[in-house]
Amino acid sequence: AEVKIIYQSVDNLHQACPENLGDWYFTGNYPTPGGNKVVNRAF
């Protein structure tokens, strides 16, 4: 079979979960300074 994988958009995520906007897994926008330090270290 042909295989196709599709993902939700970040905008739709925010629309579906308007009170929970923590999206750093998807956008890299960490809510604390320590998050930026961790992602750089991981890279």
Full PDB file with SEQRES, HELIX, SHEET, SSBOND, CRYST1, ORIGX, SCALE, CONECT and MASTER records, all heavy atoms in Angstrom:
SEQRES   1 A   43  ALA GLU VAL LYS ILE ILE TYR GLN SER VAL ASP ASN LEU          
SEQRES   2 A   43  HIS GLN ALA CYS PRO GLU ASN LEU GLY ASP TRP TYR PHE          
SEQRES   3 A   43  THR GLY ASN TYR PRO THR PRO GLY GLY ASN LYS VAL VAL          
SEQRES   4 A   43  ASN ARG ALA PHE                                              
HELIX    1 AA1 VAL A   10  ALA A   16  1                                   7    
HELIX    2 AA2 TRP A   24  THR A   27  1                                   4    
HELIX    3 AA3 PRO A   33  ALA A   42  1                                  10    
CRYST1    1.000    1.000    1.000  90.00  90.00  90.00 P 1           1          
ORIGX1      1.000000  0.000000  0.000000        0.00000                         
ORIGX2      0.000000  1.000000  0.000000        0.00000                         
ORIGX3      0.000000  0.000000  1.000000        0.00000                         
SCALE1      1.000000  0.000000  0.000000        0.00000                         
SCALE2      0.000000  1.000000  0.000000        0.00000                         
SCALE3      0.000000  0.000000  1.000000        0.00000                         
ATOM      1  N   ALA A   1       0.826  -1.200   0.000  1.00  0.00           N  
ATOM      2  CA  ALA A   1       0.000   0.000   0.000  1.00  0.00           C  
ATOM      3  C   ALA A   1       0.867   1.260   0.000  1.00  0.00           C  
ATOM      4  O   ALA A   1       1.988   1.261   0.499  1.00  0.00           O  
ATOM      5  CB  ALA A   1      -0.916   0.007   1.220  1.00  0.00           C  
ATOM      6  N   GLU A   2       0.293   2.324  -0.557  1.00  0.00           N  
ATOM      7  CA  GLU A   2       0.898   3.639  -0.382  1.00  0.00           C  
ATOM      8  C   GLU A   2       0.643   4.074   1.062  1.00  0.00           C  
ATOM      9  O   GLU A   2      -0.450   3.894   1.585  1.00  0.00           O  
ATOM     10  CB  GLU A   2       0.255   4.649  -1.347  1.00  0.00           C  
ATOM     11  CG  GLU A   2       0.705   6.079  -1.155  1.00  0.00           C  
ATOM     12  CD  GLU A   2      -0.181   7.086  -1.866  1.00  0.00           C  
ATOM     13  OE1 GLU A   2      -1.075   6.668  -2.629  1.00  0.00           O  
ATOM     14  OE2 GLU A   2       0.009   8.300  -1.639  1.00  0.00           O  
ATOM     15  N   VAL A   3       1.658   4.643   1.706  1.00  0.00           N  
ATOM     16  CA  VAL A   3       1.524   5.066   3.102  1.00  0.00           C  
ATOM     17  C   VAL A   3       1.617   6.592   3.185  1.00  0.00           C  
ATOM     18  O   VAL A   3       2.538   7.193   2.635  1.00  0.00           O  
ATOM     19  CB  VAL A   3       2.614   4.433   3.990  1.00  0.00           C  
ATOM     20  CG1 VAL A   3       2.517   4.975   5.425  1.00  0.00           C  
ATOM     21  CG2 VAL A   3       2.475   2.905   3.995  1.00  0.00           C  
ATOM     22  N   LYS A   4       0.644   7.180   3.860  1.00  0.00           N  
ATOM     23  CA  LYS A   4       0.639   8.628   4.038  1.00  0.00           C  
ATOM     24  C   LYS A   4       0.348   8.924   5.507  1.00  0.00           C  
ATOM     25  O   LYS A   4      -0.604   8.383   6.073  1.00  0.00           O  
ATOM     26  CB  LYS A   4      -0.413   9.278   3.148  1.00  0.00           C  
ATOM     27  CG  LYS A   4      -0.326  10.802   3.127  1.00  0.00           C  
ATOM     28  CD  LYS A   4      -1.133  11.389   2.001  1.00  0.00           C  
ATOM     29  CE  LYS A   4      -0.979  12.908   1.931  1.00  0.00           C  
ATOM     30  NZ  LYS A   4       0.409  13.340   1.694  1.00  0.00           N  
ATOM     31  N   ILE A   5       1.161   9.767   6.115  1.00  0.00           N  
ATOM     32  CA  ILE A   5       0.975  10.137   7.518  1.00  0.00           C  
ATOM     33  C   ILE A   5       0.669  11.629   7.577  1.00  0.00           C  
ATOM     34  O   ILE A   5       1.394  12.444   6.989  1.00  0.00           O  
ATOM     35  CB  ILE A   5       2.222   9.796   8.346  1.00  0.00           C  
ATOM     36  CG1 ILE A   5       2.423   8.275   8.351  1.00  0.00           C  
ATOM     37  CG2 ILE A   5       2.083  10.312   9.775  1.00  0.00           C  
ATOM     38  CD1 ILE A   5       3.676   7.802   9.033  1.00  0.00           C  
ATOM     39  N   ILE A   6      -0.417  11.978   8.252  1.00  0.00           N  
ATOM     40  CA  ILE A   6      -0.815  13.382   8.353  1.00  0.00           C  
ATOM     41  C   ILE A   6      -0.967  13.768   9.818  1.00  0.00           C  
ATOM     42  O   ILE A   6      -1.308  12.941  10.664  1.00  0.00           O  
ATOM     43  CB  ILE A   6      -2.108  13.677   7.563  1.00  0.00           C  
ATOM     44  CG1 ILE A   6      -3.271  12.831   8.075  1.00  0.00           C  
ATOM     45  CG2 ILE A   6      -1.899  13.469   6.084  1.00  0.00           C  
ATOM     46  CD1 ILE A   6      -4.577  13.120   7.350  1.00  0.00           C  
ATOM     47  N   TYR A   7      -0.717  15.037  10.087  1.00  0.00           N  
ATOM     48  CA  TYR A   7      -0.719  15.552  11.460  1.00  0.00           C  
ATOM     49  C   TYR A   7      -1.699  16.711  11.612  1.00  0.00           C  
ATOM     50  O   TYR A   7      -1.969  17.449  10.667  1.00  0.00           O  
ATOM     51  CB  TYR A   7       0.674  16.054  11.848  1.00  0.00           C  
ATOM     52  CG  TYR A   7       1.695  14.993  12.128  1.00  0.00           C  
ATOM     53  CD1 TYR A   7       2.406  14.395  11.087  1.00  0.00           C  
ATOM     54  CD2 TYR A   7       1.980  14.591  13.427  1.00  0.00           C  
ATOM     55  CE1 TYR A   7       3.374  13.428  11.333  1.00  0.00           C  
ATOM     56  CE2 TYR A   7       2.945  13.632  13.689  1.00  0.00           C  
ATOM     57  CZ  TYR A   7       3.636  13.055  12.642  1.00  0.00           C  
ATOM     58  OH  TYR A   7       4.600  12.097  12.896  1.00  0.00           O  
ATOM     59  N   GLN A   8      -2.153  16.865  12.844  1.00  0.00           N  
ATOM     60  CA  GLN A   8      -2.938  18.022  13.222  1.00  0.00           C  
ATOM     61  C   GLN A   8      -2.087  19.291  13.084  1.00  0.00           C  
ATOM     62  O   GLN A   8      -0.865  19.241  13.215  1.00  0.00           O  
ATOM     63  CB  GLN A   8      -3.365  17.862  14.688  1.00  0.00           C  
ATOM     64  CG  GLN A   8      -4.274  18.919  15.246  1.00  0.00           C  
ATOM     65  CD  GLN A   8      -5.669  18.762  14.687  1.00  0.00           C  
ATOM     66  OE1 GLN A   8      -6.005  19.405  13.701  1.00  0.00           O  
ATOM     67  NE2 GLN A   8      -6.454  17.879  15.279  1.00  0.00           N  
ATOM     68  N   SER A   9      -2.725  20.437  12.888  1.00  0.00           N  
ATOM     69  CA  SER A   9      -2.002  21.705  12.883  1.00  0.00           C  
ATOM     70  C   SER A   9      -1.982  22.288  14.290  1.00  0.00           C  
ATOM     71  O   SER A   9      -2.849  21.995  15.120  1.00  0.00           O  
ATOM     72  CB  SER A   9      -2.655  22.702  11.925  1.00  0.00           C  
ATOM     73  OG  SER A   9      -3.904  23.135  12.440  1.00  0.00           O  
ATOM     74  N   VAL A  10      -0.994  23.130  14.565  1.00  0.00           N  
ATOM     75  CA  VAL A  10      -0.900  23.785  15.871  1.00  0.00           C  
ATOM     76  C   VAL A  10      -2.093  24.715  16.082  1.00  0.00           C  
ATOM     77  O   VAL A  10      -2.635  24.807  17.187  1.00  0.00           O  
ATOM     78  CB  VAL A  10       0.431  24.551  16.003  1.00  0.00           C  
ATOM     79  CG1 VAL A  10       0.458  25.377  17.287  1.00  0.00           C  
ATOM     80  CG2 VAL A  10       1.611  23.582  15.972  1.00  0.00           C  
ATOM     81  N   ASP A  11      -2.526  25.403  15.027  1.00  0.00           N  
ATOM     82  CA  ASP A  11      -3.685  26.291  15.149  1.00  0.00           C  
ATOM     83  C   ASP A  11      -4.927  25.512  15.569  1.00  0.00           C  
ATOM     84  O   ASP A  11      -5.709  25.971  16.420  1.00  0.00           O  
ATOM     85  CB  ASP A  11      -3.950  27.007  13.823  1.00  0.00           C  
ATOM     86  CG  ASP A  11      -2.927  28.095  13.532  1.00  0.00           C  
ATOM     87  OD1 ASP A  11      -2.223  28.506  14.483  1.00  0.00           O  
ATOM     88  OD2 ASP A  11      -2.819  28.523  12.366  1.00  0.00           O  
ATOM     89  N   ASN A  12      -5.129  24.340  14.986  1.00  0.00           N  
ATOM     90  CA  ASN A  12      -6.279  23.520  15.367  1.00  0.00           C  
ATOM     91  C   ASN A  12      -6.154  23.009  16.795  1.00  0.00           C  
ATOM     92  O   ASN A  12      -7.151  22.877  17.515  1.00  0.00           O  
ATOM     93  CB  ASN A  12      -6.430  22.338  14.412  1.00  0.00           C  
ATOM     94  CG  ASN A  12      -7.079  22.734  13.094  1.00  0.00           C  
ATOM     95  OD1 ASN A  12      -7.618  23.823  12.967  1.00  0.00           O  
ATOM     96  ND2 ASN A  12      -7.012  21.849  12.121  1.00  0.00           N  
ATOM     97  N   LEU A  13      -4.927  22.708  17.216  1.00  0.00           N  
ATOM     98  CA  LEU A  13      -4.703  22.286  18.605  1.00  0.00           C  
ATOM     99  C   LEU A  13      -5.164  23.378  19.560  1.00  0.00           C  
ATOM    100  O   LEU A  13      -5.868  23.104  20.538  1.00  0.00           O  
ATOM    101  CB  LEU A  13      -3.227  21.980  18.822  1.00  0.00           C  
ATOM    102  CG  LEU A  13      -2.803  21.758  20.280  1.00  0.00           C  
ATOM    103  CD1 LEU A  13      -3.389  20.469  20.825  1.00  0.00           C  
ATOM    104  CD2 LEU A  13      -1.285  21.746  20.404  1.00  0.00           C  
ATOM    105  N   HIS A  14      -4.791  24.605  19.281  1.00  0.00           N  
ATOM    106  CA  HIS A  14      -5.192  25.715  20.137  1.00  0.00           C  
ATOM    107  C   HIS A  14      -6.697  25.933  20.095  1.00  0.00           C  
ATOM    108  O   HIS A  14      -7.301  26.306  21.112  1.00  0.00           O  
ATOM    109  CB  HIS A  14      -4.464  26.985  19.710  1.00  0.00           C  
ATOM    110  CG  HIS A  14      -2.999  26.944  19.987  1.00  0.00           C  
ATOM    111  ND1 HIS A  14      -2.114  27.866  19.467  1.00  0.00           N  
ATOM    112  CD2 HIS A  14      -2.246  26.095  20.729  1.00  0.00           C  
ATOM    113  CE1 HIS A  14      -0.886  27.577  19.880  1.00  0.00           C  
ATOM    114  NE2 HIS A  14      -0.939  26.507  20.639  1.00  0.00           N  
ATOM    115  N   GLN A  15      -7.294  25.697  18.950  1.00  0.00           N  
ATOM    116  CA  GLN A  15      -8.747  25.840  18.839  1.00  0.00           C  
ATOM    117  C   GLN A  15      -9.460  24.781  19.670  1.00  0.00           C  
ATOM    118  O   GLN A  15     -10.470  25.058  20.322  1.00  0.00           O  
ATOM    119  CB  GLN A  15      -9.170  25.731  17.372  1.00  0.00           C  
ATOM    120  CG  GLN A  15     -10.667  25.947  17.138  1.00  0.00           C  
ATOM    121  CD  GLN A  15     -11.027  25.877  15.669  1.00  0.00           C  
ATOM    122  OE1 GLN A  15     -10.213  26.178  14.798  1.00  0.00           O  
ATOM    123  NE2 GLN A  15     -12.253  25.452  15.366  1.00  0.00           N  
ATOM    124  N   ALA A  16      -8.917  23.571  19.665  1.00  0.00           N  
ATOM    125  CA  ALA A  16      -9.549  22.473  20.406  1.00  0.00           C  
ATOM    126  C   ALA A  16      -9.296  22.570  21.902  1.00  0.00           C  
ATOM    127  O   ALA A  16     -10.155  22.181  22.704  1.00  0.00           O  
ATOM    128  CB  ALA A  16      -9.037  21.128  19.879  1.00  0.00           C  
ATOM    129  N   CYS A  17      -8.126  23.075  22.291  1.00  0.00           N  
ATOM    130  CA  CYS A  17      -7.747  23.151  23.712  1.00  0.00           C  
ATOM    131  C   CYS A  17      -7.411  24.598  24.072  1.00  0.00           C  
ATOM    132  O   CYS A  17      -6.247  24.920  24.364  1.00  0.00           O  
ATOM    133  CB  CYS A  17      -6.549  22.247  23.991  1.00  0.00           C  
ATOM    134  SG  CYS A  17      -6.734  20.534  23.448  1.00  0.00           S  
ATOM    135  N   PRO A  18      -8.387  25.481  24.072  1.00  0.00           N  
ATOM    136  CA  PRO A  18      -8.105  26.916  24.224  1.00  0.00           C  
ATOM    137  C   PRO A  18      -7.570  27.305  25.588  1.00  0.00           C  
ATOM    138  O   PRO A  18      -6.963  28.371  25.732  1.00  0.00           O  
ATOM    139  CB  PRO A  18      -9.467  27.569  23.953  1.00  0.00           C  
ATOM    140  CG  PRO A  18     -10.474  26.510  24.295  1.00  0.00           C  
ATOM    141  CD  PRO A  18      -9.830  25.211  23.901  1.00  0.00           C  
ATOM    142  N   GLU A  19      -7.791  26.481  26.615  1.00  0.00           N  
ATOM    143  CA  GLU A  19      -7.327  26.813  27.966  1.00  0.00           C  
ATOM    144  C   GLU A  19      -5.965  26.211  28.273  1.00  0.00           C  
ATOM    145  O   GLU A  19      -5.368  26.515  29.296  1.00  0.00           O  
ATOM    146  CB  GLU A  19      -8.350  26.322  29.002  1.00  0.00           C  
ATOM    147  CG  GLU A  19      -9.736  26.937  28.848  1.00  0.00           C  
ATOM    148  CD  GLU A  19      -9.707  28.441  29.003  1.00  0.00           C  
ATOM    149  OE1 GLU A  19      -8.987  28.928  29.902  1.00  0.00           O  
ATOM    150  OE2 GLU A  19     -10.384  29.137  28.223  1.00  0.00           O  
ATOM    151  N   ASN A  20      -5.492  25.353  27.398  1.00  0.00           N  
ATOM    152  CA  ASN A  20      -4.205  24.681  27.621  1.00  0.00           C  
ATOM    153  C   ASN A  20      -3.311  24.940  26.416  1.00  0.00           C  
ATOM    154  O   ASN A  20      -3.255  24.137  25.484  1.00  0.00           O  
ATOM    155  CB  ASN A  20      -4.409  23.178  27.831  1.00  0.00           C  
ATOM    156  CG  ASN A  20      -5.002  22.863  29.177  1.00  0.00           C  
ATOM    157  OD1 ASN A  20      -6.068  23.365  29.529  1.00  0.00           O  
ATOM    158  ND2 ASN A  20      -4.328  22.054  29.957  1.00  0.00           N  
ATOM    159  N   LEU A  21      -2.597  26.037  26.453  1.00  0.00           N  
ATOM    160  CA  LEU A  21      -1.834  26.507  25.301  1.00  0.00           C  
ATOM    161  C   LEU A  21      -0.349  26.164  25.388  1.00  0.00           C  
ATOM    162  O   LEU A  21       0.446  26.675  24.612  1.00  0.00           O  
ATOM    163  CB  LEU A  21      -2.025  28.019  25.138  1.00  0.00           C  
ATOM    164  CG  LEU A  21      -3.475  28.467  24.905  1.00  0.00           C  
ATOM    165  CD1 LEU A  21      -3.563  29.982  24.815  1.00  0.00           C  
ATOM    166  CD2 LEU A  21      -4.047  27.829  23.640  1.00  0.00           C  
ATOM    167  N   GLY A  22       0.022  25.300  26.319  1.00  0.00           N  
ATOM    168  CA  GLY A  22       1.412  24.857  26.411  1.00  0.00           C  
ATOM    169  C   GLY A  22       1.741  23.934  25.250  1.00  0.00           C  
ATOM    170  O   GLY A  22       1.350  22.769  25.246  1.00  0.00           O  
ATOM    171  N   ASP A  23       2.475  24.431  24.257  1.00  0.00           N  
ATOM    172  CA  ASP A  23       2.680  23.689  23.012  1.00  0.00           C  
ATOM    173  C   ASP A  23       4.151  23.515  22.664  1.00  0.00           C  
ATOM    174  O   ASP A  23       4.506  23.349  21.499  1.00  0.00           O  
ATOM    175  CB  ASP A  23       1.960  24.404  21.857  1.00  0.00           C  
ATOM    176  CG  ASP A  23       2.472  25.828  21.635  1.00  0.00           C  
ATOM    177  OD1 ASP A  23       3.460  26.219  22.291  1.00  0.00           O  
ATOM    178  OD2 ASP A  23       1.895  26.542  20.799  1.00  0.00           O  
ATOM    179  N   TRP A  24       5.046  23.571  23.669  1.00  0.00           N  
ATOM    180  CA  TRP A  24       6.481  23.573  23.403  1.00  0.00           C  
ATOM    181  C   TRP A  24       6.952  22.330  22.677  1.00  0.00           C  
ATOM    182  O   TRP A  24       7.937  22.376  21.949  1.00  0.00           O  
ATOM    183  CB  TRP A  24       7.255  23.764  24.707  1.00  0.00           C  
ATOM    184  CG  TRP A  24       6.914  22.764  25.777  1.00  0.00           C  
ATOM    185  CD1 TRP A  24       7.525  21.578  26.020  1.00  0.00           C  
ATOM    186  CD2 TRP A  24       5.874  22.879  26.758  1.00  0.00           C  
ATOM    187  NE1 TRP A  24       6.940  20.927  27.084  1.00  0.00           N  
ATOM    188  CE2 TRP A  24       5.922  21.713  27.553  1.00  0.00           C  
ATOM    189  CE3 TRP A  24       4.907  23.847  27.027  1.00  0.00           C  
ATOM    190  CZ2 TRP A  24       5.037  21.491  28.601  1.00  0.00           C  
ATOM    191  CZ3 TRP A  24       4.030  23.623  28.077  1.00  0.00           C  
ATOM    192  CH2 TRP A  24       4.095  22.466  28.860  1.00  0.00           C  
ATOM    193  N   TYR A  25       6.288  21.200  22.865  1.00  0.00           N  
ATOM    194  CA  TYR A  25       6.672  19.976  22.141  1.00  0.00           C  
ATOM    195  C   TYR A  25       6.587  20.184  20.630  1.00  0.00           C  
ATOM    196  O   TYR A  25       7.351  19.624  19.855  1.00  0.00           O  
ATOM    197  CB  TYR A  25       5.742  18.808  22.465  1.00  0.00           C  
ATOM    198  CG  TYR A  25       5.296  18.703  23.880  1.00  0.00           C  
ATOM    199  CD1 TYR A  25       4.112  19.300  24.311  1.00  0.00           C  
ATOM    200  CD2 TYR A  25       6.047  17.996  24.798  1.00  0.00           C  
ATOM    201  CE1 TYR A  25       3.693  19.195  25.614  1.00  0.00           C  
ATOM    202  CE2 TYR A  25       5.637  17.878  26.114  1.00  0.00           C  
ATOM    203  CZ  TYR A  25       4.459  18.488  26.517  1.00  0.00           C  
ATOM    204  OH  TYR A  25       4.043  18.393  27.816  1.00  0.00           O  
ATOM    205  N   PHE A  26       5.608  20.989  20.220  1.00  0.00           N  
ATOM    206  CA  PHE A  26       5.289  21.162  18.808  1.00  0.00           C  
ATOM    207  C   PHE A  26       5.931  22.408  18.205  1.00  0.00           C  
ATOM    208  O   PHE A  26       6.267  22.428  17.026  1.00  0.00           O  
ATOM    209  CB  PHE A  26       3.772  21.260  18.633  1.00  0.00           C  
ATOM    210  CG  PHE A  26       3.004  20.264  19.454  1.00  0.00           C  
ATOM    211  CD1 PHE A  26       2.167  20.677  20.485  1.00  0.00           C  
ATOM    212  CD2 PHE A  26       3.123  18.907  19.215  1.00  0.00           C  
ATOM    213  CE1 PHE A  26       1.459  19.762  21.248  1.00  0.00           C  
ATOM    214  CE2 PHE A  26       2.427  17.979  19.977  1.00  0.00           C  
ATOM    215  CZ  PHE A  26       1.596  18.408  20.995  1.00  0.00           C  
ATOM    216  N   THR A  27       6.099  23.470  19.003  1.00  0.00           N  
ATOM    217  CA  THR A  27       6.566  24.751  18.487  1.00  0.00           C  
ATOM    218  C   THR A  27       7.955  25.147  18.970  1.00  0.00           C  
ATOM    219  O   THR A  27       8.595  26.011  18.374  1.00  0.00           O  
ATOM    220  CB  THR A  27       5.594  25.877  18.898  1.00  0.00           C  
ATOM    221  OG1 THR A  27       5.623  26.008  20.336  1.00  0.00           O  
ATOM    222  CG2 THR A  27       4.172  25.564  18.439  1.00  0.00           C  
ATOM    223  N   GLY A  28       8.389  24.574  20.072  1.00  0.00           N  
ATOM    224  CA  GLY A  28       9.650  24.997  20.669  1.00  0.00           C  
ATOM    225  C   GLY A  28       9.528  26.262  21.499  1.00  0.00           C  
ATOM    226  O   GLY A  28      10.542  26.813  21.948  1.00  0.00           O  
ATOM    227  N   ASN A  29       8.299  26.718  21.726  1.00  0.00           N  
ATOM    228  CA  ASN A  29       8.083  27.920  22.539  1.00  0.00           C  
ATOM    229  C   ASN A  29       7.946  27.508  24.009  1.00  0.00           C  
ATOM    230  O   ASN A  29       6.842  27.298  24.511  1.00  0.00           O  
ATOM    231  CB  ASN A  29       6.835  28.660  22.062  1.00  0.00           C  
ATOM    232  CG  ASN A  29       6.963  29.145  20.631  1.00  0.00           C  
ATOM    233  OD1 ASN A  29       8.048  29.516  20.192  1.00  0.00           O  
ATOM    234  ND2 ASN A  29       5.868  29.142  19.895  1.00  0.00           N  
ATOM    235  N   TYR A  30       9.064  27.402  24.691  1.00  0.00           N  
ATOM    236  CA  TYR A  30       9.071  26.932  26.076  1.00  0.00           C  
ATOM    237  C   TYR A  30       8.584  28.032  27.019  1.00  0.00           C  
ATOM    238  O   TYR A  30       8.932  29.204  26.841  1.00  0.00           O  
ATOM    239  CB  TYR A  30      10.475  26.483  26.474  1.00  0.00           C  
ATOM    240  CG  TYR A  30      10.888  25.193  25.820  1.00  0.00           C  
ATOM    241  CD1 TYR A  30      11.514  25.202  24.577  1.00  0.00           C  
ATOM    242  CD2 TYR A  30      10.640  23.967  26.412  1.00  0.00           C  
ATOM    243  CE1 TYR A  30      11.893  24.020  23.948  1.00  0.00           C  
ATOM    244  CE2 TYR A  30      11.009  22.775  25.809  1.00  0.00           C  
ATOM    245  CZ  TYR A  30      11.631  22.811  24.572  1.00  0.00           C  
ATOM    246  OH  TYR A  30      11.985  21.636  23.959  1.00  0.00           O  
ATOM    247  N   PRO A  31       7.805  27.673  28.022  1.00  0.00           N  
ATOM    248  CA  PRO A  31       7.275  28.680  28.948  1.00  0.00           C  
ATOM    249  C   PRO A  31       8.267  29.162  29.994  1.00  0.00           C  
ATOM    250  O   PRO A  31       8.015  30.148  30.669  1.00  0.00           O  
ATOM    251  CB  PRO A  31       6.099  27.962  29.615  1.00  0.00           C  
ATOM    252  CG  PRO A  31       6.445  26.512  29.528  1.00  0.00           C  
ATOM    253  CD  PRO A  31       7.218  26.342  28.252  1.00  0.00           C  
ATOM    254  N   THR A  32       9.393  28.463  30.147  1.00  0.00           N  
ATOM    255  CA  THR A  32      10.400  28.889  31.121  1.00  0.00           C  
ATOM    256  C   THR A  32      11.769  28.949  30.438  1.00  0.00           C  
ATOM    257  O   THR A  32      12.021  28.224  29.462  1.00  0.00           O  
ATOM    258  CB  THR A  32      10.489  27.922  32.317  1.00  0.00           C  
ATOM    259  OG1 THR A  32      11.163  26.720  31.917  1.00  0.00           O  
ATOM    260  CG2 THR A  32       9.105  27.579  32.853  1.00  0.00           C  
ATOM    261  N   PRO A  33      12.672  29.788  30.931  1.00  0.00           N  
ATOM    262  CA  PRO A  33      14.009  29.887  30.327  1.00  0.00           C  
ATOM    263  C   PRO A  33      14.764  28.562  30.317  1.00  0.00           C  
ATOM    264  O   PRO A  33      15.533  28.286  29.403  1.00  0.00           O  
ATOM    265  CB  PRO A  33      14.725  30.924  31.213  1.00  0.00           C  
ATOM    266  CG  PRO A  33      13.634  31.716  31.838  1.00  0.00           C  
ATOM    267  CD  PRO A  33      12.494  30.759  32.034  1.00  0.00           C  
ATOM    268  N   GLY A  34      14.524  27.742  31.344  1.00  0.00           N  
ATOM    269  CA  GLY A  34      15.210  26.462  31.403  1.00  0.00           C  
ATOM    270  C   GLY A  34      14.897  25.562  30.226  1.00  0.00           C  
ATOM    271  O   GLY A  34      15.711  24.716  29.841  1.00  0.00           O  
ATOM    272  N   GLY A  35      13.715  25.726  29.641  1.00  0.00           N  
ATOM    273  CA  GLY A  35      13.341  24.918  28.482  1.00  0.00           C  
ATOM    274  C   GLY A  35      14.249  25.165  27.295  1.00  0.00           C  
ATOM    275  O   GLY A  35      14.646  24.231  26.585  1.00  0.00           O  
ATOM    276  N   ASN A  36      14.597  26.443  27.062  1.00  0.00           N  
ATOM    277  CA  ASN A  36      15.492  26.767  25.949  1.00  0.00           C  
ATOM    278  C   ASN A  36      16.878  26.170  26.168  1.00  0.00           C  
ATOM    279  O   ASN A  36      17.525  25.704  25.225  1.00  0.00           O  
ATOM    280  CB  ASN A  36      15.605  28.288  25.798  1.00  0.00           C  
ATOM    281  CG  ASN A  36      14.311  28.913  25.317  1.00  0.00           C  
ATOM    282  OD1 ASN A  36      13.509  28.269  24.639  1.00  0.00           O  
ATOM    283  ND2 ASN A  36      14.087  30.159  25.685  1.00  0.00           N  
ATOM    284  N   LYS A  37      17.311  26.173  27.397  1.00  0.00           N  
ATOM    285  CA  LYS A  37      18.629  25.595  27.701  1.00  0.00           C  
ATOM    286  C   LYS A  37      18.615  24.081  27.449  1.00  0.00           C  
ATOM    287  O   LYS A  37      19.568  23.519  26.906  1.00  0.00           O  
ATOM    288  CB  LYS A  37      18.992  25.894  29.157  1.00  0.00           C  
ATOM    289  CG  LYS A  37      20.480  25.796  29.467  1.00  0.00           C  
ATOM    290  CD  LYS A  37      20.785  26.344  30.840  1.00  0.00           C  
ATOM    291  CE  LYS A  37      22.285  26.328  31.127  1.00  0.00           C  
ATOM    292  NZ  LYS A  37      23.026  27.339  30.359  1.00  0.00           N  
ATOM    293  N   VAL A  38      17.523  23.433  27.810  1.00  0.00           N  
ATOM    294  CA  VAL A  38      17.415  21.981  27.632  1.00  0.00           C  
ATOM    295  C   VAL A  38      17.377  21.609  26.152  1.00  0.00           C  
ATOM    296  O   VAL A  38      18.047  20.668  25.716  1.00  0.00           O  
ATOM    297  CB  VAL A  38      16.162  21.441  28.355  1.00  0.00           C  
ATOM    298  CG1 VAL A  38      15.846  20.019  27.905  1.00  0.00           C  
ATOM    299  CG2 VAL A  38      16.367  21.466  29.864  1.00  0.00           C  
ATOM    300  N   VAL A  39      16.592  22.333  25.342  1.00  0.00           N  
ATOM    301  CA  VAL A  39      16.470  21.958  23.932  1.00  0.00           C  
ATOM    302  C   VAL A  39      17.801  22.150  23.207  1.00  0.00           C  
ATOM    303  O   VAL A  39      18.186  21.335  22.359  1.00  0.00           O  
ATOM    304  CB  VAL A  39      15.329  22.731  23.232  1.00  0.00           C  
ATOM    305  CG1 VAL A  39      15.632  24.216  23.110  1.00  0.00           C  
ATOM    306  CG2 VAL A  39      15.050  22.141  21.852  1.00  0.00           C  
ATOM    307  N   ASN A  40      18.538  23.218  23.529  1.00  0.00           N  
ATOM    308  CA  ASN A  40      19.850  23.408  22.914  1.00  0.00           C  
ATOM    309  C   ASN A  40      20.812  22.302  23.316  1.00  0.00           C  
ATOM    310  O   ASN A  40      21.590  21.797  22.496  1.00  0.00           O  
ATOM    311  CB  ASN A  40      20.423  24.770  23.322  1.00  0.00           C  
ATOM    312  CG  ASN A  40      19.771  25.917  22.570  1.00  0.00           C  
ATOM    313  OD1 ASN A  40      18.992  25.704  21.647  1.00  0.00           O  
ATOM    314  ND2 ASN A  40      20.079  27.136  22.971  1.00  0.00           N  
ATOM    315  N   ARG A  41      20.771  21.921  24.591  1.00  0.00           N  
ATOM    316  CA  ARG A  41      21.639  20.844  25.058  1.00  0.00           C  
ATOM    317  C   ARG A  41      21.283  19.533  24.353  1.00  0.00           C  
ATOM    318  O   ARG A  41      22.165  18.762  23.972  1.00  0.00           O  
ATOM    319  CB  ARG A  41      21.518  20.688  26.572  1.00  0.00           C  
ATOM    320  CG  ARG A  41      22.515  19.682  27.159  1.00  0.00           C  
ATOM    321  CD  ARG A  41      22.289  19.498  28.649  1.00  0.00           C  
ATOM    322  NE  ARG A  41      22.426  20.757  29.361  1.00  0.00           N  
ATOM    323  CZ  ARG A  41      21.587  21.174  30.299  1.00  0.00           C  
ATOM    324  NH1 ARG A  41      20.545  20.436  30.628  1.00  0.00           N  
ATOM    325  NH2 ARG A  41      21.791  22.320  30.904  1.00  0.00           N  
ATOM    326  N   ALA A  42      19.984  19.282  24.164  1.00  0.00           N  
ATOM    327  CA  ALA A  42      19.557  18.060  23.479  1.00  0.00           C  
ATOM    328  C   ALA A  42      20.089  18.026  22.045  1.00  0.00           C  
ATOM    329  O   ALA A  42      20.503  16.968  21.549  1.00  0.00           O  
ATOM    330  CB  ALA A  42      18.028  17.974  23.475  1.00  0.00           C  
ATOM    331  N   PHE A  43      20.101  19.182  21.372  1.00  0.00           N  
ATOM    332  CA  PHE A  43      20.625  19.230  20.005  1.00  0.00           C  
ATOM    333  C   PHE A  43      22.140  19.032  19.995  1.00  0.00           C  
ATOM    334  O   PHE A  43      22.672  18.313  19.132  1.00  0.00           O  
ATOM    335  CB  PHE A  43      20.256  20.570  19.356  1.00  0.00           C  
ATOM    336  CG  PHE A  43      20.657  20.656  17.910  1.00  0.00           C  
ATOM    337  CD1 PHE A  43      19.931  19.997  16.937  1.00  0.00           C  
ATOM    338  CD2 PHE A  43      21.788  21.380  17.531  1.00  0.00           C  
ATOM    339  CE1 PHE A  43      20.308  20.069  15.603  1.00  0.00           C  
ATOM    340  CE2 PHE A  43      22.174  21.454  16.203  1.00  0.00           C  
ATOM    341  CZ  PHE A  43      21.428  20.793  15.229  1.00  0.00           C  
TER     342      PHE A  43                                                      
MASTER        0    0    0    3    0    0    0    6  341    1    0    4          
END                                                                             
